[in-house]
Amino acid sequence: MHGWQTACIIHEVEDEIAIQTTVEYHGLTQLRLLVRTVLQETQLELETERKRQRAIEMAREDVELVDSLDAELKAINQKISAQFNPYFGSVFRTDGNPTLLAFNIRR
């Protein structure tokens, strides 16, 4: 019906579904979305303010704020990644970062 000529059985999908339905995973993904949004809005606001003041670069405090938000986002991503396979992470990632397995299956 769909023109498939091959199939792939991936046992790890069952484990990933179990992980992705936990309260902890949902909390971390919501927190990641919130921190990412705050980081983007902060960067936009600081850049707009920098242009308004015709400053060449951002103030040190502003750079520290952006750096701390970026560090928090990285820490959240590490916590999420740590829940999956330690060797290759999630079988199917999102956000434009497919795993090698997903790339090869698509190919």
Protein backbone atom coordinates (compact mmCIF):
# COMPACT_ATOMS: atom_id res chain seq x y z
CA MET A 1 0.00 0.00 0.00
CA HIS A 2 2.81 2.45 0.89
CA GLY A 3 5.46 1.06 -1.43
CA TRP A 4 7.77 -0.18 1.33
CA GLN A 5 10.32 -2.69 0.15
CA THR A 6 12.13 -3.24 3.46
CA ALA A 7 11.29 -3.24 7.13
CA CYS A 8 13.30 -2.71 10.30
CA ILE A 9 12.60 -4.06 13.78
CA ILE A 10 14.03 -1.81 16.47
CA HIS A 11 13.73 -3.29 19.93
CA GLU A 12 14.93 -0.10 21.64
CA VAL A 13 11.77 1.75 20.60
CA GLU A 14 9.82 0.01 23.37
CA ASP A 15 12.31 1.26 25.96
CA GLU A 16 12.22 4.77 24.52
CA ILE A 17 8.43 4.89 24.64
CA ALA A 18 8.57 3.87 28.29
CA ILE A 19 11.08 6.65 29.01
CA GLN A 20 9.18 9.27 27.04
CA THR A 21 5.97 8.61 28.96
CA THR A 22 7.48 9.26 32.39
CA VAL A 23 6.70 12.36 34.42
CA GLU A 24 10.43 13.12 34.72
CA TYR A 25 10.93 13.12 30.95
CA HIS A 26 7.89 15.35 30.36
CA GLY A 27 9.07 17.74 33.07
CA LEU A 28 12.55 17.98 31.55
CA THR A 29 11.22 18.57 28.04
CA GLN A 30 8.87 21.28 29.30
CA LEU A 31 11.71 22.88 31.25
CA ARG A 32 13.95 22.72 28.16
CA LEU A 33 11.28 24.45 26.09
CA LEU A 34 10.86 27.16 28.73
CA VAL A 35 14.60 27.81 29.13
CA ARG A 36 15.10 27.80 25.35
CA THR A 37 12.29 30.34 24.94
CA VAL A 38 13.63 32.57 27.73
CA LEU A 39 17.12 32.38 26.21
CA GLN A 40 15.90 33.35 22.75
CA GLU A 41 13.74 36.19 24.04
CA THR A 42 16.57 37.45 26.24
CA GLN A 43 19.04 37.40 23.35
CA LEU A 44 16.59 39.27 21.13
CA GLU A 45 15.86 41.89 23.78
CA LEU A 46 19.54 42.40 24.64
CA GLU A 47 20.48 42.75 20.97
CA THR A 48 17.69 45.26 20.42
CA GLU A 49 18.82 47.25 23.47
CA ARG A 50 22.46 47.11 22.32
CA LYS A 51 21.48 48.52 18.92
CA ARG A 52 19.31 51.19 20.52
CA GLN A 53 22.23 52.36 22.64
CA ARG A 54 24.60 51.98 19.68
CA ALA A 55 26.91 49.87 21.79
CA ILE A 56 29.54 47.74 20.11
CA GLU A 57 29.10 44.79 22.43
CA MET A 58 26.80 43.63 25.21
CA ALA A 59 27.47 44.53 28.83
CA ARG A 60 29.32 41.95 30.92
CA GLU A 61 26.24 41.27 33.06
CA ASP A 62 24.18 40.60 29.94
CA VAL A 63 26.78 38.19 28.59
CA GLU A 64 26.83 36.38 31.94
CA LEU A 65 23.02 36.10 31.89
CA VAL A 66 23.03 34.59 28.39
CA ASP A 67 25.88 32.26 29.33
CA SER A 68 24.06 31.04 32.44
CA LEU A 69 20.86 30.37 30.48
CA ASP A 70 22.88 28.53 27.83
CA ALA A 71 24.61 26.44 30.51
CA GLU A 72 21.24 25.58 32.05
CA LEU A 73 19.92 24.49 28.66
CA LYS A 74 22.96 22.27 28.11
CA ALA A 75 22.53 20.70 31.55
CA ILE A 76 18.88 19.91 30.83
CA ASN A 77 19.82 18.38 27.47
CA GLN A 78 22.42 16.20 29.21
CA LYS A 79 19.83 15.00 31.73
CA ILE A 80 17.47 14.09 28.90
CA SER A 81 20.21 12.33 26.92
CA ALA A 82 21.33 10.38 30.00
CA GLN A 83 17.96 8.64 30.11
CA PHE A 84 18.63 6.88 26.81
CA ASN A 85 21.22 4.42 25.52
CA PRO A 86 24.68 5.48 26.81
CA TYR A 87 26.36 4.61 23.49
CA PHE A 88 24.11 6.19 20.89
CA GLY A 89 21.41 8.07 22.78
CA SER A 90 17.85 8.10 21.57
CA VAL A 91 17.10 5.93 18.55
CA PHE A 92 15.12 8.74 16.95
CA ARG A 93 15.96 12.31 17.90
CA THR A 94 14.01 15.37 16.89
CA ASP A 95 14.77 19.05 16.39
CA GLY A 96 16.68 18.40 13.16
CA ASN A 97 19.25 16.11 14.80
CA PRO A 98 18.53 12.59 13.59
CA THR A 99 20.65 9.74 14.89
CA LEU A 100 22.89 7.75 12.58
CA LEU A 101 20.31 4.94 12.72
CA ALA A 102 17.48 7.26 11.66
CA PHE A 103 19.63 8.68 8.86
CA ASN A 104 20.45 5.22 7.52
CA ILE A 105 16.86 4.04 7.73
CA ARG A 106 15.69 7.10 5.83
CA ARG A 107 18.42 6.60 3.25
